[in-house]
């Protein structure tokens, strides 16, 4: 029988457990670094030395020819609107974009002149024809959703430039095909945080959007209430003679 310092008898079994506990407490809580890391320098592959028998390049050394210096263009348009206005006036019949089908064949070509005129009509329509005479729905600085399929780039670019010419901020989003589309709520959060209350789309795209039994556009989860506006040419209004689109020019 063992005794403590005070003379209290302690069984050998208890003293053994106490000794084991003391030994455990003396051990380090974490293993030393040597147990974490191993020296693997022996496994490092040496860089191979160049073979002296390797064939060497022959012939003259090619030196690039210094060409004529590029001319400094000082009159580049300062903004996209100004660029479209210039090319629409000076290169009106030149193609601005060409849409292709799934086989790579051209579907249609939109010239700079057509892109300019349709964008101006859309800008005028957005600011003057969507509300009443005394109270319009849109004003410069508002944000508008652009909902166009990838297969119709022409309509998208008309809407994009139309927004810029109206000083309206375009917010492009994917076309919602169903209420279960992945990312529907994220797009709704984007529209809501941007304060979007109006969406531009094409007539064909509008017909393909999910509808309620009454024929109205379905309210998607997390989306704000939107007014849908079709931007096909037949729905646009020619601006009055005293109206001018917003075109930022360089200030001197």
C-alpha atoms as a PDB file:
ATOM      1  CA  UNK A   1       0.000   0.000   0.000  1.00  0.00           C
ATOM      2  CA  UNK A   2       1.351   3.391  -1.033  1.00  0.00           C
ATOM      3  CA  UNK A   3       0.832   6.596   0.923  1.00  0.00           C
ATOM      4  CA  UNK A   4       0.548  10.215  -0.064  1.00  0.00           C
ATOM      5  CA  UNK A   5       2.703  12.980   1.379  1.00  0.00           C
ATOM      6  CA  UNK A   6       0.125  13.418   4.147  1.00  0.00           C
ATOM      7  CA  UNK A   7       0.254   9.757   5.054  1.00  0.00           C
ATOM      8  CA  UNK A   8      -3.055   8.867   3.400  1.00  0.00           C
ATOM      9  CA  UNK A   9      -2.945   5.320   2.019  1.00  0.00           C
ATOM     10  CA  UNK A  10      -3.434   5.034  -1.774  1.00  0.00           C
ATOM     11  CA  UNK A  11      -3.952   1.826  -3.667  1.00  0.00           C
ATOM     12  CA  UNK A  12      -1.426   0.919  -6.335  1.00  0.00           C
ATOM     13  CA  UNK A  13      -4.143   0.889  -9.017  1.00  0.00           C
ATOM     14  CA  UNK A  14      -5.145   4.475  -8.282  1.00  0.00           C
ATOM     15  CA  UNK A  15      -1.553   5.628  -8.088  1.00  0.00           C
ATOM     16  CA  UNK A  16      -0.859   4.053 -11.461  1.00  0.00           C
ATOM     17  CA  UNK A  17      -3.728   5.965 -13.061  1.00  0.00           C
ATOM     18  CA  UNK A  18      -2.515   9.186 -11.484  1.00  0.00           C
ATOM     19  CA  UNK A  19       0.955   8.559 -12.821  1.00  0.00           C
ATOM     20  CA  UNK A  20      -0.464   7.913 -16.317  1.00  0.00           C
ATOM     21  CA  UNK A  21      -2.391  11.178 -16.135  1.00  0.00           C
ATOM     22  CA  UNK A  22       0.735  13.069 -15.125  1.00  0.00           C
ATOM     23  CA  UNK A  23       2.678  11.530 -17.992  1.00  0.00           C
ATOM     24  CA  UNK A  24      -0.079  12.509 -20.397  1.00  0.00           C
ATOM     25  CA  UNK A  25      -0.045  16.106 -19.186  1.00  0.00           C
ATOM     26  CA  UNK A  26       3.721  16.254 -19.623  1.00  0.00           C
ATOM     27  CA  UNK A  27       3.457  15.322 -23.290  1.00  0.00           C
ATOM     28  CA  UNK A  28       3.337  18.171 -25.828  1.00  0.00           C
ATOM     29  CA  UNK A  29      -0.142  18.885 -27.176  1.00  0.00           C
ATOM     30  CA  UNK A  30       1.153  19.137 -30.731  1.00  0.00           C
ATOM     31  CA  UNK A  31       3.703  16.924 -32.395  1.00  0.00           C
ATOM     32  CA  UNK A  32       7.037  18.550 -33.157  1.00  0.00           C
ATOM     33  CA  UNK A  33       7.623  20.118 -36.547  1.00  0.00           C
ATOM     34  CA  UNK A  34       9.714  17.173 -37.594  1.00  0.00           C
ATOM     35  CA  UNK A  35       6.568  15.060 -37.607  1.00  0.00           C
ATOM     36  CA  UNK A  36       4.792  17.527 -39.902  1.00  0.00           C
ATOM     37  CA  UNK A  37       7.498  18.094 -42.460  1.00  0.00           C
ATOM     38  CA  UNK A  38       9.787  15.705 -44.209  1.00  0.00           C
ATOM     39  CA  UNK A  39      12.878  16.575 -46.122  1.00  0.00           C
ATOM     40  CA  UNK A  40      12.130  15.655 -49.696  1.00  0.00           C
ATOM     41  CA  UNK A  41      15.163  17.334 -51.211  1.00  0.00           C
ATOM     42  CA  UNK A  42      16.359  13.957 -52.396  1.00  0.00           C
ATOM     43  CA  UNK A  43      13.294  13.707 -54.644  1.00  0.00           C
ATOM     44  CA  UNK A  44      13.913  17.032 -56.418  1.00  0.00           C
ATOM     45  CA  UNK A  45      14.664  16.452 -60.083  1.00  0.00           C
ATOM     46  CA  UNK A  46      17.781  18.195 -61.278  1.00  0.00           C
ATOM     47  CA  UNK A  47      17.579  20.532 -64.261  1.00  0.00           C
ATOM     48  CA  UNK A  48      18.877  18.635 -67.280  1.00  0.00           C
ATOM     49  CA  UNK A  49      22.016  20.037 -68.825  1.00  0.00           C
ATOM     50  CA  UNK A  50      22.008  21.100 -72.449  1.00  0.00           C
ATOM     51  CA  UNK A  51      23.245  18.442 -74.821  1.00  0.00           C
ATOM     52  CA  UNK A  52      26.403  19.721 -76.536  1.00  0.00           C
ATOM     53  CA  UNK A  53      25.501  17.664 -79.614  1.00  0.00           C
ATOM     54  CA  UNK A  54      22.191  19.477 -80.127  1.00  0.00           C
ATOM     55  CA  UNK A  55      22.048  21.101 -83.599  1.00  0.00           C
ATOM     56  CA  UNK A  56      22.529  24.853 -83.507  1.00  0.00           C
ATOM     57  CA  UNK A  57      20.381  27.304 -85.508  1.00  0.00           C
ATOM     58  CA  UNK A  58      21.800  28.364 -88.834  1.00  0.00           C
ATOM     59  CA  UNK A  59      21.141  31.199 -91.226  1.00  0.00           C
ATOM     60  CA  UNK A  60      20.656  34.906 -90.795  1.00  0.00           C
ATOM     61  CA  UNK A  61      18.986  36.366 -87.773  1.00  0.00           C
ATOM     62  CA  UNK A  62      15.582  37.783 -88.612  1.00  0.00           C
ATOM     63  CA  UNK A  63      15.177  41.385 -87.528  1.00  0.00           C
ATOM     64  CA  UNK A  64      11.741  43.040 -87.643  1.00  0.00           C
ATOM     65  CA  UNK A  65      11.457  45.909 -90.080  1.00  0.00           C
ATOM     66  CA  UNK A  66      10.542  49.235 -88.588  1.00  0.00           C
ATOM     67  CA  UNK A  67       7.499  50.516 -90.422  1.00  0.00           C
ATOM     68  CA  UNK A  68       5.976  53.924 -90.741  1.00  0.00           C
ATOM     69  CA  UNK A  69       4.862  55.510 -87.490  1.00  0.00           C
ATOM     70  CA  UNK A  70       1.169  55.345 -86.769  1.00  0.00           C
ATOM     71  CA  UNK A  71      -0.640  58.579 -87.195  1.00  0.00           C
ATOM     72  CA  UNK A  72      -2.025  60.089 -84.039  1.00  0.00           C
ATOM     73  CA  UNK A  73      -5.766  60.482 -84.406  1.00  0.00           C
ATOM     74  CA  UNK A  74      -6.966  63.416 -82.369  1.00  0.00           C
ATOM     75  CA  UNK A  75     -10.615  63.432 -83.355  1.00  0.00           C
ATOM     76  CA  UNK A  76     -11.798  60.021 -82.147  1.00  0.00           C
ATOM     77  CA  UNK A  77     -15.378  60.104 -80.863  1.00  0.00           C
ATOM     78  CA  UNK A  78     -15.333  60.543 -77.077  1.00  0.00           C
ATOM     79  CA  UNK A  79     -18.241  58.157 -76.442  1.00  0.00           C
ATOM     80  CA  UNK A  80     -20.201  55.323 -78.042  1.00  0.00           C
ATOM     81  CA  UNK A  81     -23.102  57.630 -78.858  1.00  0.00           C
ATOM     82  CA  UNK A  82     -20.801  60.056 -80.668  1.00  0.00           C
ATOM     83  CA  UNK A  83     -19.173  57.187 -82.577  1.00  0.00           C
ATOM     84  CA  UNK A  84     -22.532  55.851 -83.740  1.00  0.00           C
ATOM     85  CA  UNK A  85     -23.642  59.347 -84.746  1.00  0.00           C
ATOM     86  CA  UNK A  86     -20.486  59.841 -86.828  1.00  0.00           C
ATOM     87  CA  UNK A  87     -20.500  56.466 -88.569  1.00  0.00           C
ATOM     88  CA  UNK A  88     -24.239  56.646 -89.076  1.00  0.00           C
ATOM     89  CA  UNK A  89     -23.797  59.942 -90.927  1.00  0.00           C
ATOM     90  CA  UNK A  90     -20.570  59.202 -92.824  1.00  0.00           C
ATOM     91  CA  UNK A  91     -20.750  55.410 -93.306  1.00  0.00           C
ATOM     92  CA  UNK A  92     -24.496  54.886 -93.286  1.00  0.00           C
ATOM     93  CA  UNK A  93     -24.496  52.019 -95.797  1.00  0.00           C
ATOM     94  CA  UNK A  94     -21.580  50.140 -94.229  1.00  0.00           C
ATOM     95  CA  UNK A  95     -22.488  47.034 -92.199  1.00  0.00           C
ATOM     96  CA  UNK A  96     -22.397  47.534 -88.446  1.00  0.00           C
ATOM     97  CA  UNK A  97     -23.217  43.911 -87.579  1.00  0.00           C
ATOM     98  CA  UNK A  98     -24.311  40.713 -89.286  1.00  0.00           C
ATOM     99  CA  UNK A  99     -26.410  38.068 -87.535  1.00  0.00           C
ATOM    100  CA  UNK A 100     -25.722  34.416 -88.363  1.00  0.00           C
ATOM    101  CA  UNK A 101     -27.877  31.320 -88.004  1.00  0.00           C
ATOM    102  CA  UNK A 102     -26.759  28.087 -86.324  1.00  0.00           C
ATOM    103  CA  UNK A 103     -25.080  26.946 -89.548  1.00  0.00           C
ATOM    104  CA  UNK A 104     -23.064  30.164 -89.881  1.00  0.00           C
ATOM    105  CA  UNK A 105     -25.087  31.629 -92.720  1.00  0.00           C
ATOM    106  CA  UNK A 106     -25.994  35.341 -92.613  1.00  0.00           C
ATOM    107  CA  UNK A 107     -29.539  36.074 -91.498  1.00  0.00           C
ATOM    108  CA  UNK A 108     -29.511  39.844 -91.838  1.00  0.00           C
ATOM    109  CA  UNK A 109     -27.126  42.780 -91.815  1.00  0.00           C
ATOM    110  CA  UNK A 110     -27.706  45.987 -89.889  1.00  0.00           C
ATOM    111  CA  UNK A 111     -25.984  49.029 -91.356  1.00  0.00           C
ATOM    112  CA  UNK A 112     -24.693  51.972 -89.355  1.00  0.00           C
ATOM    113  CA  UNK A 113     -27.418  54.148 -90.824  1.00  0.00           C
ATOM    114  CA  UNK A 114     -30.204  51.778 -89.766  1.00  0.00           C
ATOM    115  CA  UNK A 115     -28.667  51.254 -86.331  1.00  0.00           C
ATOM    116  CA  UNK A 116     -28.452  55.008 -85.819  1.00  0.00           C
ATOM    117  CA  UNK A 117     -31.981  55.844 -87.006  1.00  0.00           C
ATOM    118  CA  UNK A 118     -33.651  53.033 -85.050  1.00  0.00           C
ATOM    119  CA  UNK A 119     -31.696  53.850 -81.900  1.00  0.00           C
ATOM    120  CA  UNK A 120     -32.740  57.503 -82.136  1.00  0.00           C
ATOM    121  CA  UNK A 121     -36.390  56.491 -82.587  1.00  0.00           C
ATOM    122  CA  UNK A 122     -36.201  54.210 -79.574  1.00  0.00           C
ATOM    123  CA  UNK A 123     -34.569  56.913 -77.450  1.00  0.00           C
ATOM    124  CA  UNK A 124     -37.344  59.342 -78.344  1.00  0.00           C
ATOM    125  CA  UNK A 125     -40.011  56.712 -77.670  1.00  0.00           C
ATOM    126  CA  UNK A 126     -38.571  55.859 -74.251  1.00  0.00           C
ATOM    127  CA  UNK A 127     -38.599  59.455 -73.069  1.00  0.00           C
ATOM    128  CA  UNK A 128     -41.756  60.754 -74.734  1.00  0.00           C
ATOM    129  CA  UNK A 129     -44.228  57.982 -75.608  1.00  0.00           C
ATOM    130  CA  UNK A 130     -44.462  55.619 -72.635  1.00  0.00           C
ATOM    131  CA  UNK A 131     -46.485  57.740 -70.263  1.00  0.00           C
ATOM    132  CA  UNK A 132     -48.766  60.721 -70.376  1.00  0.00           C
ATOM    133  CA  UNK A 133     -47.908  64.127 -71.762  1.00  0.00           C
ATOM    134  CA  UNK A 134     -47.416  65.532 -68.281  1.00  0.00           C
ATOM    135  CA  UNK A 135     -45.804  62.479 -66.675  1.00  0.00           C
ATOM    136  CA  UNK A 136     -43.487  60.102 -68.511  1.00  0.00           C
ATOM    137  CA  UNK A 137     -42.540  56.676 -67.167  1.00  0.00           C
ATOM    138  CA  UNK A 138     -38.822  57.090 -67.848  1.00  0.00           C
ATOM    139  CA  UNK A 139     -36.439  59.946 -67.265  1.00  0.00           C
ATOM    140  CA  UNK A 140     -32.669  60.257 -67.774  1.00  0.00           C
ATOM    141  CA  UNK A 141     -30.746  58.249 -65.190  1.00  0.00           C
ATOM    142  CA  UNK A 142     -33.346  55.495 -64.815  1.00  0.00           C
ATOM    143  CA  UNK A 143     -32.369  51.856 -65.323  1.00  0.00           C
ATOM    144  CA  UNK A 144     -34.017  49.592 -67.884  1.00  0.00           C
ATOM    145  CA  UNK A 145     -33.743  45.820 -68.349  1.00  0.00           C
ATOM    146  CA  UNK A 146     -32.765  44.492 -71.783  1.00  0.00           C
ATOM    147  CA  UNK A 147     -34.311  41.054 -72.381  1.00  0.00           C
ATOM    148  CA  UNK A 148     -33.232  39.719 -75.765  1.00  0.00           C
ATOM    149  CA  UNK A 149     -32.161  36.252 -76.932  1.00  0.00           C
ATOM    150  CA  UNK A 150     -28.601  35.677 -78.099  1.00  0.00           C
ATOM    151  CA  UNK A 151     -29.957  34.860 -81.553  1.00  0.00           C
ATOM    152  CA  UNK A 152     -31.107  38.455 -82.120  1.00  0.00           C
ATOM    153  CA  UNK A 153     -28.097  40.755 -81.659  1.00  0.00           C
ATOM    154  CA  UNK A 154     -29.574  43.448 -83.889  1.00  0.00           C
ATOM    155  CA  UNK A 155     -32.518  44.140 -81.599  1.00  0.00           C
ATOM    156  CA  UNK A 156     -30.225  44.109 -78.589  1.00  0.00           C
ATOM    157  CA  UNK A 157     -27.866  46.716 -80.027  1.00  0.00           C
ATOM    158  CA  UNK A 158     -30.731  48.983 -81.054  1.00  0.00           C
ATOM    159  CA  UNK A 159     -32.034  48.799 -77.484  1.00  0.00           C
ATOM    160  CA  UNK A 160     -28.554  49.314 -76.013  1.00  0.00           C
ATOM    161  CA  UNK A 161     -27.758  52.413 -78.071  1.00  0.00           C
ATOM    162  CA  UNK A 162     -31.315  53.671 -77.687  1.00  0.00           C
ATOM    163  CA  UNK A 163     -30.865  53.647 -73.926  1.00  0.00           C
ATOM    164  CA  UNK A 164     -27.555  55.501 -74.168  1.00  0.00           C
ATOM    165  CA  UNK A 165     -29.051  58.151 -76.448  1.00  0.00           C
ATOM    166  CA  UNK A 166     -31.888  58.614 -73.944  1.00  0.00           C
ATOM    167  CA  UNK A 167     -29.445  58.783 -70.999  1.00  0.00           C
ATOM    168  CA  UNK A 168     -31.072  55.628 -69.632  1.00  0.00           C
ATOM    169  CA  UNK A 169     -28.858  52.944 -68.100  1.00  0.00           C
ATOM    170  CA  UNK A 170     -29.258  49.512 -69.796  1.00  0.00           C
ATOM    171  CA  UNK A 171     -29.218  46.391 -67.593  1.00  0.00           C
ATOM    172  CA  UNK A 172     -28.883  43.282 -69.841  1.00  0.00           C
ATOM    173  CA  UNK A 173     -30.234  40.003 -68.416  1.00  0.00           C
ATOM    174  CA  UNK A 174     -30.890  36.495 -69.711  1.00  0.00           C
ATOM    175  CA  UNK A 175     -34.291  35.648 -71.160  1.00  0.00           C
ATOM    176  CA  UNK A 176     -36.350  33.855 -68.456  1.00  0.00           C
ATOM    177  CA  UNK A 177     -37.814  30.703 -69.988  1.00  0.00           C
ATOM    178  CA  UNK A 178     -39.628  29.351 -66.921  1.00  0.00           C
ATOM    179  CA  UNK A 179     -40.124  30.040 -63.238  1.00  0.00           C
ATOM    180  CA  UNK A 180     -37.717  27.188 -62.446  1.00  0.00           C
ATOM    181  CA  UNK A 181     -34.781  28.592 -64.386  1.00  0.00           C
ATOM    182  CA  UNK A 182     -31.532  28.618 -62.461  1.00  0.00           C
ATOM    183  CA  UNK A 183     -30.639  32.126 -61.389  1.00  0.00           C
ATOM    184  CA  UNK A 184     -34.165  33.545 -61.599  1.00  0.00           C
ATOM    185  CA  UNK A 185     -34.050  34.900 -58.055  1.00  0.00           C
ATOM    186  CA  UNK A 186     -30.534  36.304 -58.597  1.00  0.00           C
ATOM    187  CA  UNK A 187     -31.725  38.202 -61.670  1.00  0.00           C
ATOM    188  CA  UNK A 188     -34.660  39.450 -59.647  1.00  0.00           C
ATOM    189  CA  UNK A 189     -32.305  40.691 -56.940  1.00  0.00           C
ATOM    190  CA  UNK A 190     -30.256  42.510 -59.592  1.00  0.00           C
ATOM    191  CA  UNK A 191     -33.327  44.181 -61.068  1.00  0.00           C
ATOM    192  CA  UNK A 192     -34.666  45.120 -57.657  1.00  0.00           C
ATOM    193  CA  UNK A 193     -31.378  46.534 -56.395  1.00  0.00           C
ATOM    194  CA  UNK A 194     -31.020  48.600 -59.590  1.00  0.00           C
ATOM    195  CA  UNK A 195     -34.554  49.946 -59.273  1.00  0.00           C
ATOM    196  CA  UNK A 196     -35.609  48.573 -62.656  1.00  0.00           C
ATOM    197  CA  UNK A 197     -39.308  48.977 -63.425  1.00  0.00           C
ATOM    198  CA  UNK A 198     -39.328  48.590 -67.208  1.00  0.00           C
ATOM    199  CA  UNK A 199     -38.041  45.865 -69.534  1.00  0.00           C
ATOM    200  CA  UNK A 200     -37.320  46.157 -73.251  1.00  0.00           C
ATOM    201  CA  UNK A 201     -37.722  43.117 -75.488  1.00  0.00           C
ATOM    202  CA  UNK A 202     -38.653  42.067 -79.013  1.00  0.00           C
ATOM    203  CA  UNK A 203     -42.105  41.000 -80.146  1.00  0.00           C
ATOM    204  CA  UNK A 204     -40.976  37.413 -80.780  1.00  0.00           C
ATOM    205  CA  UNK A 205     -39.255  37.177 -77.406  1.00  0.00           C
ATOM    206  CA  UNK A 206     -42.307  38.587 -75.626  1.00  0.00           C
ATOM    207  CA  UNK A 207     -44.526  35.901 -77.160  1.00  0.00           C
ATOM    208  CA  UNK A 208     -42.175  33.195 -75.892  1.00  0.00           C
ATOM    209  CA  UNK A 209     -42.133  34.352 -72.266  1.00  0.00           C
ATOM    210  CA  UNK A 210     -44.090  32.247 -69.743  1.00  0.00           C
ATOM    211  CA  UNK A 211     -47.681  33.475 -69.411  1.00  0.00           C
ATOM    212  CA  UNK A 212     -50.429  33.175 -66.828  1.00  0.00           C
ATOM    213  CA  UNK A 213     -53.814  31.626 -67.788  1.00  0.00           C
ATOM    214  CA  UNK A 214     -55.039  35.178 -68.468  1.00  0.00           C
ATOM    215  CA  UNK A 215     -52.207  35.804 -70.961  1.00  0.00           C
ATOM    216  CA  UNK A 216     -50.148  38.152 -68.787  1.00  0.00           C
ATOM    217  CA  UNK A 217     -46.382  37.814 -68.327  1.00  0.00           C
ATOM    218  CA  UNK A 218     -45.737  35.521 -65.393  1.00  0.00           C
ATOM    219  CA  UNK A 219     -44.416  37.156 -62.242  1.00  0.00           C
ATOM    220  CA  UNK A 220     -41.056  35.518 -61.641  1.00  0.00           C
ATOM    221  CA  UNK A 221     -39.837  34.748 -58.139  1.00  0.00           C
ATOM    222  CA  UNK A 222     -38.024  37.684 -56.580  1.00  0.00           C
ATOM    223  CA  UNK A 223     -38.618  39.983 -59.545  1.00  0.00           C
ATOM    224  CA  UNK A 224     -40.012  43.497 -59.210  1.00  0.00           C
ATOM    225  CA  UNK A 225     -43.125  44.463 -61.137  1.00  0.00           C
ATOM    226  CA  UNK A 226     -42.067  45.267 -64.687  1.00  0.00           C
ATOM    227  CA  UNK A 227     -43.672  47.083 -67.577  1.00  0.00           C
ATOM    228  CA  UNK A 228     -42.750  45.268 -70.798  1.00  0.00           C
ATOM    229  CA  UNK A 229     -42.079  47.389 -73.897  1.00  0.00           C
ATOM    230  CA  UNK A 230     -41.603  45.939 -77.392  1.00  0.00           C
ATOM    231  CA  UNK A 231     -38.890  47.689 -79.406  1.00  0.00           C
ATOM    232  CA  UNK A 232     -39.579  46.436 -82.939  1.00  0.00           C
ATOM    233  CA  UNK A 233     -39.384  49.192 -85.555  1.00  0.00           C
ATOM    234  CA  UNK A 234     -43.145  49.344 -86.138  1.00  0.00           C
ATOM    235  CA  UNK A 235     -43.682  50.319 -82.496  1.00  0.00           C
ATOM    236  CA  UNK A 236     -41.165  53.177 -82.500  1.00  0.00           C
ATOM    237  CA  UNK A 237     -41.982  56.834 -83.075  1.00  0.00           C
ATOM    238  CA  UNK A 238     -40.040  59.213 -85.286  1.00  0.00           C
ATOM    239  CA  UNK A 239     -38.735  62.082 -83.148  1.00  0.00           C
ATOM    240  CA  UNK A 240     -39.918  65.625 -83.621  1.00  0.00           C
ATOM    241  CA  UNK A 241     -37.622  68.060 -85.405  1.00  0.00           C
ATOM    242  CA  UNK A 242     -36.775  69.987 -82.254  1.00  0.00           C
ATOM    243  CA  UNK A 243     -35.738  66.877 -80.291  1.00  0.00           C
ATOM    244  CA  UNK A 244     -32.100  65.798 -80.112  1.00  0.00           C
ATOM    245  CA  UNK A 245     -30.638  62.631 -78.549  1.00  0.00           C
ATOM    246  CA  UNK A 246     -28.008  62.819 -75.841  1.00  0.00           C
ATOM    247  CA  UNK A 247     -24.565  62.741 -77.475  1.00  0.00           C
ATOM    248  CA  UNK A 248     -21.620  63.594 -75.184  1.00  0.00           C
ATOM    249  CA  UNK A 249     -18.859  65.485 -76.941  1.00  0.00           C
ATOM    250  CA  UNK A 250     -15.376  66.261 -75.751  1.00  0.00           C
ATOM    251  CA  UNK A 251     -15.149  69.440 -73.733  1.00  0.00           C
ATOM    252  CA  UNK A 252     -12.337  71.857 -74.584  1.00  0.00           C
END
